[in-house]
C-alpha atoms as a PDB file:
ATOM      1  CA  MET A   1      20.242 -99.066  11.008  1.00  0.00           C
ATOM      2  CA  ALA A   2      18.713-102.437  12.424  1.00  0.00           C
ATOM      3  CA  THR A   3      15.255-103.557  10.984  1.00  0.00           C
ATOM      4  CA  SER A   4      12.725-101.226  11.813  1.00  0.00           C
ATOM      5  CA  GLN A   5      10.998-101.204  15.119  1.00  0.00           C
ATOM      6  CA  PHE A   6       7.708 -99.548  16.190  1.00  0.00           C
ATOM      7  CA  ARG A   7       6.686 -99.210  19.702  1.00  0.00           C
ATOM      8  CA  MET A   8       3.474 -97.838  20.883  1.00  0.00           C
ATOM      9  CA  LEU A   9       3.816 -97.038  24.670  1.00  0.00           C
ATOM     10  CA  ARG A  10       1.264 -96.660  27.167  1.00  0.00           C
ATOM     11  CA  SER A  11      -0.071 -93.197  27.795  1.00  0.00           C
ATOM     12  CA  ALA A  12      -1.002 -91.596  31.344  1.00  0.00           C
ATOM     13  CA  ILE A  13      -3.347 -88.849  29.317  1.00  0.00           C
ATOM     14  CA  ALA A  14      -6.423 -89.849  27.726  1.00  0.00           C
ATOM     15  CA  GLY A  15      -6.606 -88.782  24.079  1.00  0.00           C
ATOM     16  CA  ILE A  16      -2.821 -88.841  23.604  1.00  0.00           C
ATOM     17  CA  GLU A  17      -1.174 -91.998  22.057  1.00  0.00           C
ATOM     18  CA  ALA A  18       2.641 -92.195  22.473  1.00  0.00           C
ATOM     19  CA  VAL A  19       4.733 -93.601  19.982  1.00  0.00           C
ATOM     20  CA  GLU A  20       8.658 -94.277  19.649  1.00  0.00           C
ATOM     21  CA  ALA A  21      10.136 -95.638  15.951  1.00  0.00           C
ATOM     22  CA  ARG A  22      13.667 -96.375  14.507  1.00  0.00           C
ATOM     23  CA  THR A  23      13.312 -97.268  10.745  1.00  0.00           C
ATOM     24  CA  ARG A  24      14.214 -96.901   7.357  1.00  0.00           C
ATOM     25  CA  HIS A  25      10.877 -97.306   6.158  1.00  0.00           C
ATOM     26  CA  SER A  26       9.504 -94.861   3.427  1.00  0.00           C
ATOM     27  CA  PHE A  27       5.857 -94.025   4.229  1.00  0.00           C
ATOM     28  CA  PRO A  28       3.212 -93.667   1.446  1.00  0.00           C
ATOM     29  CA  ARG A  29       1.185 -90.203   1.156  1.00  0.00           C
ATOM     30  CA  HIS A  30      -1.230 -90.651   4.141  1.00  0.00           C
ATOM     31  CA  THR A  31      -3.176 -88.748   6.960  1.00  0.00           C
ATOM     32  CA  HIS A  32      -3.919 -89.027  10.657  1.00  0.00           C
ATOM     33  CA  GLU A  33      -7.058 -88.137  12.605  1.00  0.00           C
ATOM     34  CA  GLN A  34      -4.930 -86.563  15.107  1.00  0.00           C
ATOM     35  CA  PHE A  35      -2.443 -83.654  15.536  1.00  0.00           C
ATOM     36  CA  GLY A  36       1.283 -85.031  15.846  1.00  0.00           C
ATOM     37  CA  ILE A  37       4.009 -83.484  18.185  1.00  0.00           C
ATOM     38  CA  GLY A  38       7.421 -85.597  17.589  1.00  0.00           C
ATOM     39  CA  LEU A  39      10.881 -84.920  17.860  1.00  0.00           C
ATOM     40  CA  ILE A  40      13.675 -86.807  15.376  1.00  0.00           C
ATOM     41  CA  PHE A  41      16.698 -87.727  18.093  1.00  0.00           C
ATOM     42  CA  ALA A  42      18.628 -89.645  15.086  1.00  0.00           C
ATOM     43  CA  GLY A  43      19.393 -89.582  11.445  1.00  0.00           C
ATOM     44  CA  ALA A  44      17.211 -87.172   8.982  1.00  0.00           C
ATOM     45  CA  GLN A  45      13.933 -87.388   6.978  1.00  0.00           C
ATOM     46  CA  ARG A  46      12.505 -85.950   3.897  1.00  0.00           C
ATOM     47  CA  SER A  47       8.792 -85.747   3.757  1.00  0.00           C
ATOM     48  CA  LEU A  48       6.144 -83.821   1.533  1.00  0.00           C
ATOM     49  CA  SER A  49       3.709 -82.184   3.651  1.00  0.00           C
ATOM     50  CA  GLY A  50       0.525 -79.914   3.419  1.00  0.00           C
ATOM     51  CA  ARG A  51       2.732 -77.170   4.145  1.00  0.00           C
ATOM     52  CA  GLY A  52       5.236 -77.639   1.571  1.00  0.00           C
ATOM     53  CA  MET A  53       8.637 -79.908   1.358  1.00  0.00           C
ATOM     54  CA  VAL A  54      10.574 -80.325   4.406  1.00  0.00           C
ATOM     55  CA  GLU A  55      13.810 -81.914   5.895  1.00  0.00           C
ATOM     56  CA  ALA A  56      13.844 -83.085   9.752  1.00  0.00           C
ATOM     57  CA  GLN A  57      17.403 -83.877  11.181  1.00  0.00           C
ATOM     58  CA  ALA A  58      18.164 -85.198  14.905  1.00  0.00           C
ATOM     59  CA  GLY A  59      17.334 -82.629  17.373  1.00  0.00           C
ATOM     60  CA  ASP A  60      14.034 -81.188  15.224  1.00  0.00           C
ATOM     61  CA  LEU A  61      10.527 -81.224  16.165  1.00  0.00           C
ATOM     62  CA  ILE A  62       8.010 -82.390  13.544  1.00  0.00           C
ATOM     63  CA  THR A  63       4.197 -82.089  13.170  1.00  0.00           C
ATOM     64  CA  VAL A  64       1.080 -82.698  11.660  1.00  0.00           C
ATOM     65  CA  ASN A  65      -2.640 -81.411  11.619  1.00  0.00           C
ATOM     66  CA  PRO A  66      -5.444 -83.740  11.510  1.00  0.00           C
ATOM     67  CA  ASN A  67      -6.096 -84.717   8.088  1.00  0.00           C
ATOM     68  CA  GLU A  68      -2.944 -83.179   6.530  1.00  0.00           C
ATOM     69  CA  VAL A  69      -1.478 -85.429   3.419  1.00  0.00           C
ATOM     70  CA  HIS A  70       2.355 -86.082   4.173  1.00  0.00           C
ATOM     71  CA  ASP A  71       4.599 -88.738   3.468  1.00  0.00           C
ATOM     72  CA  GLY A  72       8.142 -89.561   4.651  1.00  0.00           C
ATOM     73  CA  ALA A  73      11.347 -90.989   3.664  1.00  0.00           C
ATOM     74  CA  PRO A  74      14.759 -91.358   5.350  1.00  0.00           C
ATOM     75  CA  ILE A  75      17.576 -89.388   4.224  1.00  0.00           C
ATOM     76  CA  GLY A  76      20.738 -91.836   4.614  1.00  0.00           C
ATOM     77  CA  GLU A  77      20.591 -94.945   6.677  1.00  0.00           C
ATOM     78  CA  GLY A  78      17.627 -94.321   8.568  1.00  0.00           C
ATOM     79  CA  ARG A  79      15.959 -92.287  11.433  1.00  0.00           C
ATOM     80  CA  SER A  80      14.385 -92.624  14.938  1.00  0.00           C
ATOM     81  CA  TRP A  81      11.824 -90.322  16.286  1.00  0.00           C
ATOM     82  CA  ARG A  82       9.398 -90.373  19.088  1.00  0.00           C
ATOM     83  CA  ILE A  83       5.957 -88.893  19.024  1.00  0.00           C
ATOM     84  CA  LEU A  84       2.780 -87.965  20.598  1.00  0.00           C
ATOM     85  CA  TYR A  85      -0.590 -87.872  19.008  1.00  0.00           C
ATOM     86  CA  PHE A  86      -3.463 -85.602  20.153  1.00  0.00           C
ATOM     87  CA  ASP A  87      -6.965 -86.040  19.661  1.00  0.00           C
ATOM     88  CA  PRO A  88      -8.256 -83.102  18.355  1.00  0.00           C
ATOM     89  CA  ALA A  89     -10.414 -82.163  21.348  1.00  0.00           C
ATOM     90  CA  VAL A  90      -7.227 -82.187  23.678  1.00  0.00           C
ATOM     91  CA  ILE A  91      -5.559 -79.508  21.371  1.00  0.00           C
ATOM     92  CA  GLY A  92      -8.914 -77.741  21.316  1.00  0.00           C
ATOM     93  CA  ASP A  93      -9.387 -77.805  25.355  1.00  0.00           C
ATOM     94  CA  LEU A  94      -5.622 -76.685  25.653  1.00  0.00           C
ATOM     95  CA  THR A  95      -5.857 -73.740  23.015  1.00  0.00           C
ATOM     96  CA  ASN A  96      -8.783 -72.561  24.744  1.00  0.00           C
ATOM     97  CA  ASP A  97      -7.146 -72.219  28.065  1.00  0.00           C
ATOM     98  CA  ILE A  98      -3.952 -70.546  26.095  1.00  0.00           C
ATOM     99  CA  GLY A  99      -6.011 -68.071  24.415  1.00  0.00           C
ATOM    100  CA  GLU A 100      -8.054 -66.886  27.512  1.00  0.00           C
ATOM    101  CA  GLY A 101     -11.096 -66.296  25.300  1.00  0.00           C
ATOM    102  CA  ARG A 102      -8.882 -64.856  22.284  1.00  0.00           C
ATOM    103  CA  ALA A 103      -9.256 -66.546  19.093  1.00  0.00           C
ATOM    104  CA  MET A 104      -6.259 -68.960  18.631  1.00  0.00           C
ATOM    105  CA  ARG A 105      -4.916 -71.068  15.752  1.00  0.00           C
ATOM    106  CA  SER A 106      -6.767 -73.835  14.849  1.00  0.00           C
ATOM    107  CA  GLU A 107      -3.512 -75.820  13.198  1.00  0.00           C
ATOM    108  CA  ILE A 108       0.178 -76.276  13.997  1.00  0.00           C
ATOM    109  CA  PRO A 109       1.738 -73.670  11.653  1.00  0.00           C
ATOM    110  CA  ARG A 110       5.195 -75.536  10.838  1.00  0.00           C
ATOM    111  CA  PRO A 111       6.037 -78.765   9.729  1.00  0.00           C
ATOM    112  CA  VAL A 112       9.573 -78.747  11.283  1.00  0.00           C
ATOM    113  CA  ILE A 113      10.854 -76.458  14.219  1.00  0.00           C
ATOM    114  CA  HIS A 114      14.052 -76.205  14.950  1.00  0.00           C
ATOM    115  CA  ASN A 115      14.435 -74.712  18.591  1.00  0.00           C
ATOM    116  CA  VAL A 116      16.859 -76.513  21.252  1.00  0.00           C
ATOM    117  CA  PRO A 117      14.803 -75.627  23.934  1.00  0.00           C
ATOM    118  CA  LEU A 118      11.554 -76.490  22.598  1.00  0.00           C
ATOM    119  CA  ALA A 119      12.831 -79.860  21.669  1.00  0.00           C
ATOM    120  CA  GLU A 120      14.306 -80.252  25.311  1.00  0.00           C
ATOM    121  CA  ARG A 121      10.218 -79.302  26.801  1.00  0.00           C
ATOM    122  CA  PHE A 122       9.082 -82.019  24.212  1.00  0.00           C
ATOM    123  CA  ALA A 123      11.438 -84.914  25.704  1.00  0.00           C
ATOM    124  CA  SER A 124      10.458 -83.943  28.891  1.00  0.00           C
ATOM    125  CA  LEU A 125       6.857 -84.119  28.104  1.00  0.00           C
ATOM    126  CA  PHE A 126       7.021 -87.602  26.326  1.00  0.00           C
ATOM    127  CA  ALA A 127       8.646 -88.682  29.353  1.00  0.00           C
ATOM    128  CA  ALA A 128       6.040 -87.436  31.662  1.00  0.00           C
ATOM    129  CA  VAL A 129       3.346 -88.882  29.249  1.00  0.00           C
ATOM    130  CA  THR A 130       5.230 -92.306  29.187  1.00  0.00           C
ATOM    131  CA  GLY A 131       6.544 -92.536  32.495  1.00  0.00           C
ATOM    132  CA  GLY A 132       3.683 -93.885  34.625  1.00  0.00           C
ATOM    133  CA  PRO A 133       2.236 -92.355  37.901  1.00  0.00           C
ATOM    134  CA  ALA A 134       5.594 -91.299  39.592  1.00  0.00           C
ATOM    135  CA  GLN A 135       5.653 -88.405  37.060  1.00  0.00           C
ATOM    136  CA  GLY A 136       2.232 -86.874  38.396  1.00  0.00           C
ATOM    137  CA  ASP A 137      -0.496 -85.498  37.062  1.00  0.00           C
ATOM    138  CA  LEU A 138       0.580 -81.484  37.795  1.00  0.00           C
ATOM    139  CA  ALA A 139       3.674 -81.966  36.099  1.00  0.00           C
ATOM    140  CA  ARG A 140       2.473 -83.471  32.962  1.00  0.00           C
ATOM    141  CA  GLU A 141      -0.076 -81.076  32.634  1.00  0.00           C
ATOM    142  CA  GLU A 142       2.084 -77.713  32.877  1.00  0.00           C
ATOM    143  CA  ARG A 143       4.694 -79.213  30.171  1.00  0.00           C
ATOM    144  CA  LEU A 144       1.407 -79.908  28.028  1.00  0.00           C
ATOM    145  CA  LEU A 145       0.328 -76.549  28.047  1.00  0.00           C
ATOM    146  CA  ALA A 146       3.855 -75.107  27.316  1.00  0.00           C
ATOM    147  CA  LEU A 147       4.702 -77.123  24.465  1.00  0.00           C
ATOM    148  CA  VAL A 148       1.168 -76.587  22.955  1.00  0.00           C
ATOM    149  CA  ALA A 149       1.088 -73.008  23.374  1.00  0.00           C
ATOM    150  CA  ASP A 150       4.936 -72.228  22.324  1.00  0.00           C
ATOM    151  CA  VAL A 151       4.417 -74.715  19.303  1.00  0.00           C
ATOM    152  CA  MET A 152       1.151 -72.829  18.272  1.00  0.00           C
ATOM    153  CA  ARG A 153       3.040 -69.440  18.526  1.00  0.00           C
ATOM    154  CA  GLU A 154       5.590 -70.680  15.630  1.00  0.00           C
ATOM    155  CA  GLN A 155       5.752 -68.288  12.663  1.00  0.00           C
ATOM    156  CA  PRO A 156       3.830 -70.171   9.789  1.00  0.00           C
ATOM    157  CA  MET A 157       5.250 -71.288   6.574  1.00  0.00           C
ATOM    158  CA  PRO A 158       3.893 -69.756   3.174  1.00  0.00           C
ATOM    159  CA  GLU A 159       0.402 -70.694   2.299  1.00  0.00           C
ATOM    160  CA  THR A 160       0.436 -73.850   0.306  1.00  0.00           C
ATOM    161  CA  ALA A 161      -3.144 -75.588   1.569  1.00  0.00           C
ATOM    162  CA  ARG A 162      -4.936 -77.086  -1.297  1.00  0.00           C
ATOM    163  CA  THR A 163      -8.369 -75.974  -1.408  1.00  0.00           C
ATOM    164  CA  ALA A 164     -11.065 -78.237  -3.120  1.00  0.00           C
ATOM    165  CA  PRO A 165     -13.238 -76.657  -5.832  1.00  0.00           C
ATOM    166  CA  GLY A 166     -17.002 -76.894  -5.377  1.00  0.00           C
ATOM    167  CA  ALA A 167     -17.423 -79.768  -7.979  1.00  0.00           C
ATOM    168  CA  VAL A 168     -14.482 -81.748  -6.610  1.00  0.00           C
ATOM    169  CA  ALA A 169     -15.595 -81.206  -3.114  1.00  0.00           C
ATOM    170  CA  LYS A 170     -18.827 -82.838  -3.672  1.00  0.00           C
ATOM    171  CA  ALA A 171     -16.626 -86.275  -4.774  1.00  0.00           C
ATOM    172  CA  ILE A 172     -15.045 -85.808  -1.916  1.00  0.00           C
ATOM    173  CA  SER A 173     -17.997 -85.666   0.435  1.00  0.00           C
ATOM    174  CA  LEU A 174     -19.179 -88.830  -1.359  1.00  0.00           C
ATOM    175  CA  ILE A 175     -16.234 -90.748  -0.120  1.00  0.00           C
ATOM    176  CA  ASP A 176     -16.394 -89.090   3.124  1.00  0.00           C
ATOM    177  CA  ASP A 177     -20.110 -89.874   4.003  1.00  0.00           C
ATOM    178  CA  ASP A 178     -19.888 -93.344   3.111  1.00  0.00           C
ATOM    179  CA  PRO A 179     -16.278 -94.732   2.714  1.00  0.00           C
ATOM    180  CA  LEU A 180     -17.583 -98.511   2.508  1.00  0.00           C
ATOM    181  CA  ALA A 181     -19.593 -97.517  -0.675  1.00  0.00           C
ATOM    182  CA  LYS A 182     -18.350 -99.384  -3.808  1.00  0.00           C
ATOM    183  CA  LEU A 183     -17.385 -96.383  -5.831  1.00  0.00           C
ATOM    184  CA  SER A 184     -16.004 -96.122  -9.245  1.00  0.00           C
ATOM    185  CA  LEU A 185     -14.548 -93.160 -11.221  1.00  0.00           C
ATOM    186  CA  ALA A 186     -17.652 -92.858 -12.965  1.00  0.00           C
ATOM    187  CA  ASP A 187     -19.470 -92.271  -9.852  1.00  0.00           C
ATOM    188  CA  LEU A 188     -17.170 -89.549  -8.438  1.00  0.00           C
ATOM    189  CA  ALA A 189     -17.232 -87.906 -12.074  1.00  0.00           C
ATOM    190  CA  ARG A 190     -21.093 -87.709 -12.402  1.00  0.00           C
ATOM    191  CA  GLU A 191     -21.142 -86.511  -8.841  1.00  0.00           C
ATOM    192  CA  SER A 192     -18.697 -83.599  -9.678  1.00  0.00           C
ATOM    193  CA  GLY A 193     -19.852 -82.960 -13.347  1.00  0.00           C
ATOM    194  CA  LEU A 194     -16.892 -83.783 -14.993  1.00  0.00           C
ATOM    195  CA  SER A 195     -15.080 -86.432 -17.359  1.00  0.00           C
ATOM    196  CA  ARG A 196     -13.642 -89.082 -15.615  1.00  0.00           C
ATOM    197  CA  PHE A 197      -9.657 -87.849 -16.331  1.00  0.00           C
ATOM    198  CA  GLN A 198     -10.947 -84.782 -15.067  1.00  0.00           C
ATOM    199  CA  ALA A 199     -12.521 -85.747 -11.937  1.00  0.00           C
ATOM    200  CA  LEU A 200      -9.009 -87.925 -11.367  1.00  0.00           C
ATOM    201  CA  ARG A 201      -6.684 -84.798 -12.010  1.00  0.00           C
ATOM    202  CA  ALA A 202      -8.822 -82.586  -9.837  1.00  0.00           C
ATOM    203  CA  PHE A 203      -9.649 -84.673  -6.819  1.00  0.00           C
ATOM    204  CA  THR A 204      -5.803 -85.626  -6.917  1.00  0.00           C
ATOM    205  CA  LYS A 205      -4.408 -81.724  -6.988  1.00  0.00           C
ATOM    206  CA  ALA A 206      -7.018 -80.623  -4.585  1.00  0.00           C
ATOM    207  CA  THR A 207      -6.311 -83.776  -1.825  1.00  0.00           C
ATOM    208  CA  GLY A 208      -2.785 -84.701  -2.720  1.00  0.00           C
ATOM    209  CA  MET A 209      -4.041 -88.494  -3.187  1.00  0.00           C
ATOM    210  CA  THR A 210      -5.769 -90.475  -5.937  1.00  0.00           C
ATOM    211  CA  PRO A 211      -9.284 -91.059  -5.336  1.00  0.00           C
ATOM    212  CA  HIS A 212      -8.478 -95.047  -4.458  1.00  0.00           C
ATOM    213  CA  ALA A 213      -5.716 -93.555  -1.890  1.00  0.00           C
ATOM    214  CA  TYR A 214      -8.077 -91.264  -0.401  1.00  0.00           C
ATOM    215  CA  LEU A 215     -10.771 -93.900   0.017  1.00  0.00           C
ATOM    216  CA  ILE A 216      -8.119 -96.609   1.570  1.00  0.00           C
ATOM    217  CA  GLN A 217      -7.232 -93.822   3.820  1.00  0.00           C
ATOM    218  CA  CYS A 218     -10.764 -93.218   5.096  1.00  0.00           C
ATOM    219  CA  ARG A 219     -11.407 -96.969   5.458  1.00  0.00           C
ATOM    220  CA  ILE A 220      -8.210 -97.034   7.514  1.00  0.00           C
ATOM    221  CA  HIS A 221      -9.335 -94.174   9.933  1.00  0.00           C
ATOM    222  CA  LEU A 222     -12.440 -96.177  10.413  1.00  0.00           C
ATOM    223  CA  THR A 223     -10.044 -99.226  11.553  1.00  0.00           C
ATOM    224  CA  ARG A 224      -8.221 -97.282  14.040  1.00  0.00           C
ATOM    225  CA  ARG A 225     -11.119 -96.212  15.487  1.00  0.00           C
ATOM    226  CA  LEU A 226     -13.065 -99.452  15.946  1.00  0.00           C
ATOM    227  CA  ILE A 227     -10.073-101.077  17.037  1.00  0.00           C
ATOM    228  CA  ALA A 228      -9.781 -97.741  19.826  1.00  0.00           C
ATOM    229  CA  SER A 229     -12.916 -98.835  20.549  1.00  0.00           C
ATOM    230  CA  GLY A 230     -12.353-102.356  21.553  1.00  0.00           C
ATOM    231  CA  THR A 231     -13.518-103.801  18.288  1.00  0.00           C
ATOM    232  CA  PRO A 232     -11.632-107.577  17.738  1.00  0.00           C
ATOM    233  CA  LEU A 233      -9.184-106.925  14.607  1.00  0.00           C
ATOM    234  CA  ALA A 234     -11.170-109.649  11.980  1.00  0.00           C
ATOM    235  CA  GLU A 235     -14.488-107.562  13.041  1.00  0.00           C
ATOM    236  CA  ALA A 236     -13.015-104.608  12.840  1.00  0.00           C
ATOM    237  CA  ALA A 237     -11.291-105.189   9.210  1.00  0.00           C
ATOM    238  CA  PHE A 238     -14.792-106.391   7.841  1.00  0.00           C
ATOM    239  CA  ALA A 239     -16.424-103.306   9.388  1.00  0.00           C
ATOM    240  CA  SER A 240     -14.506-100.971   7.860  1.00  0.00           C
ATOM    241  CA  GLY A 241     -14.314-102.237   4.433  1.00  0.00           C
ATOM    242  CA  PHE A 242     -11.297-104.346   3.850  1.00  0.00           C
ATOM    243  CA  SER A 243     -11.335-107.783   2.009  1.00  0.00           C
ATOM    244  CA  ASP A 244      -9.699-109.566   5.343  1.00  0.00           C
ATOM    245  CA  GLN A 245      -7.528-108.999   8.216  1.00  0.00           C
ATOM    246  CA  SER A 246      -4.465-109.428   6.486  1.00  0.00           C
ATOM    247  CA  HIS A 247      -5.620-106.602   3.886  1.00  0.00           C
ATOM    248  CA  MET A 248      -6.322-104.193   6.701  1.00  0.00           C
ATOM    249  CA  THR A 249      -3.032-105.208   8.230  1.00  0.00           C
ATOM    250  CA  ARG A 250      -0.761-104.842   5.328  1.00  0.00           C
ATOM    251  CA  VAL A 251      -2.217-101.035   4.881  1.00  0.00           C
ATOM    252  CA  PHE A 252      -2.134-100.316   8.623  1.00  0.00           C
ATOM    253  CA  VAL A 253       1.207-100.943   8.677  1.00  0.00           C
ATOM    254  CA  ALA A 254       2.492 -98.988   5.287  1.00  0.00           C
ATOM    255  CA  ARG A 255       0.917 -96.119   7.057  1.00  0.00           C
ATOM    256  CA  TYR A 256       1.583 -95.777  10.485  1.00  0.00           C
ATOM    257  CA  GLY A 257       4.648 -98.321  10.945  1.00  0.00           C
ATOM    258  CA  LEU A 258       2.728-100.680  13.576  1.00  0.00           C
ATOM    259  CA  SER A 259       0.308-103.482  13.548  1.00  0.00           C
ATOM    260  CA  PRO A 260      -3.241-103.247  14.292  1.00  0.00           C
ATOM    261  CA  ARG A 261      -2.439-105.651  17.160  1.00  0.00           C
ATOM    262  CA  THR A 262       0.170-103.856  18.677  1.00  0.00           C
ATOM    263  CA  TYR A 263      -1.736-100.798  18.439  1.00  0.00           C
ATOM    264  CA  ALA A 264      -5.068-102.694  20.165  1.00  0.00           C
ATOM    265  CA  ARG A 265      -2.686-104.072  22.835  1.00  0.00           C
ATOM    266  CA  ALA A 266      -1.448-100.621  23.793  1.00  0.00           C
ATOM    267  CA  LEU A 267      -4.863 -99.397  24.143  1.00  0.00           C
ATOM    268  CA  ALA A 268      -6.079-102.620  26.151  1.00  0.00           C
END
């Protein structure tokens, strides 16, 4: 497979981002603030998700829930996929419609879905979202509702979700409440009432990430939101706690595959 290529395509629907990727890149553990539904169209990958270790190959749908820790590595030469990222409010509105007043799942139940008709419907939706005005709003809305309804109806995998004990939850909140703060492991240990080693071990077990990795992830989420709101890249780097724009760019690319500048241009 050739050099990694990531493209962020213009989306016709507010609150939905579209990305196409061809890469051998192995992603470290990271999270998104959005829901993701995608389709592997060449190659295969292995990933650790909040719902277990999974493999996906060409023709499989892949999904991720907001703030679900996951990674991804190619099986063989590489893999290619197309994916749509949905703001949680978009999925919330759709599930309210789909449920017709009944309680619906708040998370996508399966990280990999082997379903040929559903994969074809995703491909049709992706084309409609990225195809411009000619596709028509009605067609896009129909395909979007149908896809989300079917994905949410999938049977869940055995429960593997992490829950944070109360002590560790306090340490997590310390980072969530102010990701720009200069924190030490001693600060987290003091907040949770544990030793530094206990705090490190418990935090990593609860979140799937070390405290430092979790802090950097929180900062890059802030970066993404700032860029999406139109903040210049250098200002976004400073405002989200990075030492400079280069540092921000390295972290952004490592986790999402595309550069902050590419992301900003696609949203402009």
